Amino acid sequence: MKHFPLITIISFIWVASEILLAVLKRSKEEKSGKYDKSSLRYLWLVIIFAISGGVYIAIRGIGAIQATRIAAPYLGIILILMGLLIRWIAIFTLRKYFTVNVAIAKDHRIIKSGIYKYVRHPSYSGSILSFLGLGIYFSNWVSLPIIFIPITFSFIYRIKVEETALRRKFGEEYADYARKTSRLIPGLF
């Protein structure tokens, strides 16, 4: 596998960046636990189990698709990188308002510029795209849904938690913003 060192390096950077975010970007606000509803813990558990299951299935060769084994890994790597780029653009756009746990800062405001002009949760869009890429990377019709479906649903749960907190804080301002933007995919969802 010519692409194995590449996916190993990308995976290391991906995981290290998420761990770094988890350490550095956790809200210190006293009410942050109230808003998060354990969604961060739930998300991490789902990701760990889904990836473990998907990798195990792929290693065992169950559901391997031989016809796509050459192109799928490269497509997967491209999607992972695109997803990471979208995620990091979203994080840098939010700047101080980005936290790994759902929290509302005292001076919080709704960011409606840049990528947030079109999508309310582009950081999650990027993550989901990366996990889709990881599933495709394995060129395996069983690994793909094992990785992609539970992780996507856990992000959708997290979005509901986050939007509840934002609606509670900003009321009609957030409702108006939500009417003008998509949750994850511009023009679709």
C-alpha atoms as a PDB file:
ATOM      1  CA  MET A   1       0.000   0.000   0.000  1.00  0.00           C
ATOM      2  CA  LYS A   2       1.752   3.110  -1.257  1.00  0.00           C
ATOM      3  CA  HIS A   3      -0.632   5.411   0.592  1.00  0.00           C
ATOM      4  CA  PHE A   4      -0.227   3.802   4.046  1.00  0.00           C
ATOM      5  CA  PRO A   5       2.499   6.196   5.299  1.00  0.00           C
ATOM      6  CA  LEU A   6       0.422   9.143   4.066  1.00  0.00           C
ATOM      7  CA  ILE A   7      -2.763   8.094   5.880  1.00  0.00           C
ATOM      8  CA  THR A   8      -0.706   7.361   9.003  1.00  0.00           C
ATOM      9  CA  ILE A   9       0.768  10.871   9.008  1.00  0.00           C
ATOM     10  CA  ILE A  10      -2.603  12.495   8.266  1.00  0.00           C
ATOM     11  CA  SER A  11      -4.307  10.434  10.984  1.00  0.00           C
ATOM     12  CA  PHE A  12      -1.628  11.369  13.515  1.00  0.00           C
ATOM     13  CA  ILE A  13      -2.004  15.087  12.723  1.00  0.00           C
ATOM     14  CA  TRP A  14      -5.812  14.770  12.825  1.00  0.00           C
ATOM     15  CA  VAL A  15      -5.889  13.006  16.201  1.00  0.00           C
ATOM     16  CA  ALA A  16      -3.171  15.220  17.710  1.00  0.00           C
ATOM     17  CA  SER A  17      -5.013  18.374  16.639  1.00  0.00           C
ATOM     18  CA  GLU A  18      -8.263  17.135  18.192  1.00  0.00           C
ATOM     19  CA  ILE A  19      -6.523  16.243  21.453  1.00  0.00           C
ATOM     20  CA  LEU A  20      -4.844  19.655  21.473  1.00  0.00           C
ATOM     21  CA  LEU A  21      -8.216  21.330  20.927  1.00  0.00           C
ATOM     22  CA  ALA A  22      -9.748  19.249  23.725  1.00  0.00           C
ATOM     23  CA  VAL A  23      -7.050  20.417  26.110  1.00  0.00           C
ATOM     24  CA  LEU A  24      -6.758  24.063  25.065  1.00  0.00           C
ATOM     25  CA  LYS A  25     -10.270  25.013  23.962  1.00  0.00           C
ATOM     26  CA  ARG A  26     -12.458  23.729  26.777  1.00  0.00           C
ATOM     27  CA  SER A  27     -14.689  26.477  28.138  1.00  0.00           C
ATOM     28  CA  LYS A  28     -13.901  27.725  31.618  1.00  0.00           C
ATOM     29  CA  GLU A  29     -17.373  29.265  31.983  1.00  0.00           C
ATOM     30  CA  GLU A  30     -19.142  27.948  35.064  1.00  0.00           C
ATOM     31  CA  LYS A  31     -22.369  27.181  33.150  1.00  0.00           C
ATOM     32  CA  SER A  32     -20.661  25.219  30.339  1.00  0.00           C
ATOM     33  CA  GLY A  33     -21.629  21.826  31.787  1.00  0.00           C
ATOM     34  CA  LYS A  34     -25.246  22.960  31.847  1.00  0.00           C
ATOM     35  CA  TYR A  35     -25.238  23.567  28.095  1.00  0.00           C
ATOM     36  CA  ASP A  36     -23.127  20.627  26.915  1.00  0.00           C
ATOM     37  CA  LYS A  37     -25.369  17.846  28.293  1.00  0.00           C
ATOM     38  CA  SER A  38     -22.433  15.368  28.031  1.00  0.00           C
ATOM     39  CA  SER A  39     -22.571  15.675  24.243  1.00  0.00           C
ATOM     40  CA  LEU A  40     -18.779  15.993  24.006  1.00  0.00           C
ATOM     41  CA  ARG A  41     -18.251  12.762  25.962  1.00  0.00           C
ATOM     42  CA  TYR A  42     -20.925  11.005  23.881  1.00  0.00           C
ATOM     43  CA  LEU A  43     -19.348  12.240  20.633  1.00  0.00           C
ATOM     44  CA  TRP A  44     -15.872  11.006  21.607  1.00  0.00           C
ATOM     45  CA  LEU A  45     -17.202   7.582  22.656  1.00  0.00           C
ATOM     46  CA  VAL A  46     -19.111   7.143  19.411  1.00  0.00           C
ATOM     47  CA  ILE A  47     -16.082   8.208  17.358  1.00  0.00           C
ATOM     48  CA  ILE A  48     -13.755   5.803  19.188  1.00  0.00           C
ATOM     49  CA  PHE A  49     -16.110   2.828  18.874  1.00  0.00           C
ATOM     50  CA  ALA A  50     -17.132   3.559  15.282  1.00  0.00           C
ATOM     51  CA  ILE A  51     -13.559   3.949  14.062  1.00  0.00           C
ATOM     52  CA  SER A  52     -12.411   0.884  16.005  1.00  0.00           C
ATOM     53  CA  GLY A  53     -15.215  -1.183  14.499  1.00  0.00           C
ATOM     54  CA  GLY A  54     -14.634   0.146  10.999  1.00  0.00           C
ATOM     55  CA  VAL A  55     -10.880  -0.452  11.139  1.00  0.00           C
ATOM     56  CA  TYR A  56     -11.375  -3.944  12.559  1.00  0.00           C
ATOM     57  CA  ILE A  57     -13.772  -4.876   9.743  1.00  0.00           C
ATOM     58  CA  ALA A  58     -11.420  -3.425   7.124  1.00  0.00           C
ATOM     59  CA  ILE A  59      -8.397  -5.289   8.513  1.00  0.00           C
ATOM     60  CA  ARG A  60     -10.379  -8.538   8.523  1.00  0.00           C
ATOM     61  CA  GLY A  61     -11.275  -7.941   4.873  1.00  0.00           C
ATOM     62  CA  ILE A  62     -14.997  -8.296   5.475  1.00  0.00           C
ATOM     63  CA  GLY A  63     -16.852  -6.332   2.785  1.00  0.00           C
ATOM     64  CA  ALA A  64     -13.767  -5.270   0.834  1.00  0.00           C
ATOM     65  CA  ILE A  65     -14.514  -3.811  -2.583  1.00  0.00           C
ATOM     66  CA  GLN A  66     -11.710  -4.899  -4.872  1.00  0.00           C
ATOM     67  CA  ALA A  67     -12.836  -2.737  -7.802  1.00  0.00           C
ATOM     68  CA  THR A  68     -12.251   0.473  -5.821  1.00  0.00           C
ATOM     69  CA  ARG A  69      -9.198  -0.514  -3.799  1.00  0.00           C
ATOM     70  CA  ILE A  70      -6.870   1.660  -5.903  1.00  0.00           C
ATOM     71  CA  ALA A  71      -8.921   4.873  -6.207  1.00  0.00           C
ATOM     72  CA  ALA A  72     -10.874   4.832  -2.918  1.00  0.00           C
ATOM     73  CA  PRO A  73      -7.901   5.406  -0.602  1.00  0.00           C
ATOM     74  CA  TYR A  74      -6.862   8.510  -2.527  1.00  0.00           C
ATOM     75  CA  LEU A  75     -10.418   9.836  -2.639  1.00  0.00           C
ATOM     76  CA  GLY A  76     -10.668   9.148   1.089  1.00  0.00           C
ATOM     77  CA  ILE A  77      -7.461  11.054   1.819  1.00  0.00           C
ATOM     78  CA  ILE A  78      -8.668  14.024  -0.252  1.00  0.00           C
ATOM     79  CA  LEU A  79     -11.986  14.100   1.653  1.00  0.00           C
ATOM     80  CA  ILE A  80     -10.211  13.840   5.016  1.00  0.00           C
ATOM     81  CA  LEU A  81      -7.970  16.781   4.120  1.00  0.00           C
ATOM     82  CA  MET A  82     -10.874  18.847   2.751  1.00  0.00           C
ATOM     83  CA  GLY A  83     -12.834  18.164   5.937  1.00  0.00           C
ATOM     84  CA  LEU A  84      -9.913  19.166   8.133  1.00  0.00           C
ATOM     85  CA  LEU A  85      -9.470  22.369   6.139  1.00  0.00           C
ATOM     86  CA  ILE A  86     -13.160  23.270   6.512  1.00  0.00           C
ATOM     87  CA  ARG A  87     -13.009  22.491  10.240  1.00  0.00           C
ATOM     88  CA  TRP A  88      -9.943  24.657  10.807  1.00  0.00           C
ATOM     89  CA  ILE A  89     -11.357  27.547   8.772  1.00  0.00           C
ATOM     90  CA  ALA A  90     -14.471  27.382  10.967  1.00  0.00           C
ATOM     91  CA  ILE A  91     -12.422  27.280  14.170  1.00  0.00           C
ATOM     92  CA  PHE A  92     -10.252  30.231  13.125  1.00  0.00           C
ATOM     93  CA  THR A  93     -13.343  32.186  12.066  1.00  0.00           C
ATOM     94  CA  LEU A  94     -14.927  31.737  15.504  1.00  0.00           C
ATOM     95  CA  ARG A  95     -11.642  32.469  17.290  1.00  0.00           C
ATOM     96  CA  LYS A  96     -12.302  32.935  21.012  1.00  0.00           C
ATOM     97  CA  TYR A  97     -15.889  31.700  20.743  1.00  0.00           C
ATOM     98  CA  PHE A  98     -14.821  28.210  19.677  1.00  0.00           C
ATOM     99  CA  THR A  99     -14.893  25.661  22.486  1.00  0.00           C
ATOM    100  CA  VAL A 100     -14.938  21.880  22.383  1.00  0.00           C
ATOM    101  CA  ASN A 101     -17.748  21.762  24.909  1.00  0.00           C
ATOM    102  CA  VAL A 102     -21.016  23.573  24.269  1.00  0.00           C
ATOM    103  CA  ALA A 103     -20.674  26.863  26.125  1.00  0.00           C
ATOM    104  CA  ILE A 104     -21.852  30.448  25.877  1.00  0.00           C
ATOM    105  CA  ALA A 105     -19.321  33.135  26.787  1.00  0.00           C
ATOM    106  CA  LYS A 106     -20.394  36.245  28.687  1.00  0.00           C
ATOM    107  CA  ASP A 107     -19.586  38.424  25.668  1.00  0.00           C
ATOM    108  CA  HIS A 108     -20.754  35.803  23.159  1.00  0.00           C
ATOM    109  CA  ARG A 109     -22.112  36.906  19.823  1.00  0.00           C
ATOM    110  CA  ILE A 110     -23.292  35.049  16.737  1.00  0.00           C
ATOM    111  CA  ILE A 111     -20.662  34.970  14.005  1.00  0.00           C
ATOM    112  CA  LYS A 112     -22.392  35.421  10.641  1.00  0.00           C
ATOM    113  CA  SER A 113     -19.406  36.103   8.396  1.00  0.00           C
ATOM    114  CA  GLY A 114     -17.056  33.952   6.370  1.00  0.00           C
ATOM    115  CA  ILE A 115     -18.071  30.311   6.207  1.00  0.00           C
ATOM    116  CA  TYR A 116     -20.746  31.000   8.860  1.00  0.00           C
ATOM    117  CA  LYS A 117     -22.628  33.116   6.339  1.00  0.00           C
ATOM    118  CA  TYR A 118     -23.726  29.858   4.656  1.00  0.00           C
ATOM    119  CA  VAL A 119     -23.520  27.124   7.304  1.00  0.00           C
ATOM    120  CA  ARG A 120     -24.238  27.294  11.045  1.00  0.00           C
ATOM    121  CA  HIS A 121     -21.976  24.370  11.976  1.00  0.00           C
ATOM    122  CA  PRO A 122     -19.126  24.241   9.450  1.00  0.00           C
ATOM    123  CA  SER A 123     -16.733  22.751  11.990  1.00  0.00           C
ATOM    124  CA  TYR A 124     -19.037  19.739  12.238  1.00  0.00           C
ATOM    125  CA  SER A 125     -19.492  19.692   8.452  1.00  0.00           C
ATOM    126  CA  GLY A 126     -15.735  19.419   8.093  1.00  0.00           C
ATOM    127  CA  SER A 127     -15.475  16.680  10.696  1.00  0.00           C
ATOM    128  CA  ILE A 128     -18.257  14.651   9.103  1.00  0.00           C
ATOM    129  CA  LEU A 129     -16.620  15.030   5.684  1.00  0.00           C
ATOM    130  CA  SER A 130     -13.330  13.779   7.158  1.00  0.00           C
ATOM    131  CA  PHE A 131     -15.043  10.741   8.672  1.00  0.00           C
ATOM    132  CA  LEU A 132     -16.731  10.036   5.340  1.00  0.00           C
ATOM    133  CA  GLY A 133     -13.274  10.178   3.776  1.00  0.00           C
ATOM    134  CA  LEU A 134     -11.934   7.774   6.391  1.00  0.00           C
ATOM    135  CA  GLY A 135     -14.738   5.332   5.630  1.00  0.00           C
ATOM    136  CA  ILE A 136     -14.106   5.593   1.889  1.00  0.00           C
ATOM    137  CA  TYR A 137     -10.357   5.198   2.421  1.00  0.00           C
ATOM    138  CA  PHE A 138     -10.854   1.563   3.461  1.00  0.00           C
ATOM    139  CA  SER A 139     -12.678   0.692   0.212  1.00  0.00           C
ATOM    140  CA  ASN A 140     -15.061  -1.404   2.246  1.00  0.00           C
ATOM    141  CA  TRP A 141     -18.850  -1.386   2.032  1.00  0.00           C
ATOM    142  CA  VAL A 142     -19.153  -2.527   5.684  1.00  0.00           C
ATOM    143  CA  SER A 143     -16.555  -0.196   7.240  1.00  0.00           C
ATOM    144  CA  LEU A 144     -17.980   2.900   5.572  1.00  0.00           C
ATOM    145  CA  PRO A 145     -21.414   2.828   7.270  1.00  0.00           C
ATOM    146  CA  ILE A 146     -19.923   1.581  10.570  1.00  0.00           C
ATOM    147  CA  ILE A 147     -17.741   4.686  10.675  1.00  0.00           C
ATOM    148  CA  PHE A 148     -19.937   7.270   8.962  1.00  0.00           C
ATOM    149  CA  ILE A 149     -23.496   6.666  10.208  1.00  0.00           C
ATOM    150  CA  PRO A 150     -23.054   6.633  14.012  1.00  0.00           C
ATOM    151  CA  ILE A 151     -20.603   9.526  13.923  1.00  0.00           C
ATOM    152  CA  THR A 152     -22.949  11.590  11.745  1.00  0.00           C
ATOM    153  CA  PHE A 153     -25.874  10.929  14.098  1.00  0.00           C
ATOM    154  CA  SER A 154     -23.759  11.863  17.124  1.00  0.00           C
ATOM    155  CA  PHE A 155     -22.901  15.191  15.447  1.00  0.00           C
ATOM    156  CA  ILE A 156     -26.594  15.769  14.702  1.00  0.00           C
ATOM    157  CA  TYR A 157     -27.358  15.183  18.399  1.00  0.00           C
ATOM    158  CA  ARG A 158     -24.604  17.639  19.322  1.00  0.00           C
ATOM    159  CA  ILE A 159     -26.000  20.220  16.902  1.00  0.00           C
ATOM    160  CA  LYS A 160     -29.397  19.964  18.617  1.00  0.00           C
ATOM    161  CA  VAL A 161     -27.751  20.511  22.006  1.00  0.00           C
ATOM    162  CA  GLU A 162     -25.770  23.474  20.705  1.00  0.00           C
ATOM    163  CA  GLU A 163     -28.721  25.069  18.925  1.00  0.00           C
ATOM    164  CA  THR A 164     -30.853  24.757  22.047  1.00  0.00           C
ATOM    165  CA  ALA A 165     -28.207  26.687  24.001  1.00  0.00           C
ATOM    166  CA  LEU A 166     -27.892  29.332  21.261  1.00  0.00           C
ATOM    167  CA  ARG A 167     -31.658  29.778  20.963  1.00  0.00           C
ATOM    168  CA  ARG A 168     -31.910  30.123  24.728  1.00  0.00           C
ATOM    169  CA  LYS A 169     -29.205  32.809  24.759  1.00  0.00           C
ATOM    170  CA  PHE A 170     -30.012  34.751  21.568  1.00  0.00           C
ATOM    171  CA  GLY A 171     -33.702  34.076  20.972  1.00  0.00           C
ATOM    172  CA  GLU A 172     -35.035  35.653  17.788  1.00  0.00           C
ATOM    173  CA  GLU A 173     -31.587  36.735  16.600  1.00  0.00           C
ATOM    174  CA  TYR A 174     -30.487  33.092  16.411  1.00  0.00           C
ATOM    175  CA  ALA A 175     -33.833  31.968  14.955  1.00  0.00           C
ATOM    176  CA  ASP A 176     -33.416  34.562  12.166  1.00  0.00           C
ATOM    177  CA  TYR A 177     -29.832  33.407  11.530  1.00  0.00           C
ATOM    178  CA  ALA A 178     -31.027  29.781  11.406  1.00  0.00           C
ATOM    179  CA  ARG A 179     -33.675  30.648   8.802  1.00  0.00           C
ATOM    180  CA  LYS A 180     -31.016  32.175   6.536  1.00  0.00           C
ATOM    181  CA  THR A 181     -28.395  29.400   6.806  1.00  0.00           C
ATOM    182  CA  SER A 182     -28.110  25.628   6.528  1.00  0.00           C
ATOM    183  CA  ARG A 183     -27.011  23.428   9.407  1.00  0.00           C
ATOM    184  CA  LEU A 184     -24.291  21.411   7.670  1.00  0.00           C
ATOM    185  CA  ILE A 185     -24.525  21.494   3.870  1.00  0.00           C
ATOM    186  CA  PRO A 186     -25.281  24.770   2.054  1.00  0.00           C
ATOM    187  CA  GLY A 187     -28.723  24.658   0.464  1.00  0.00           C
ATOM    188  CA  LEU A 188     -29.425  21.061   1.555  1.00  0.00           C
ATOM    189  CA  PHE A 189     -29.360  20.552   5.316  1.00  0.00           C
END
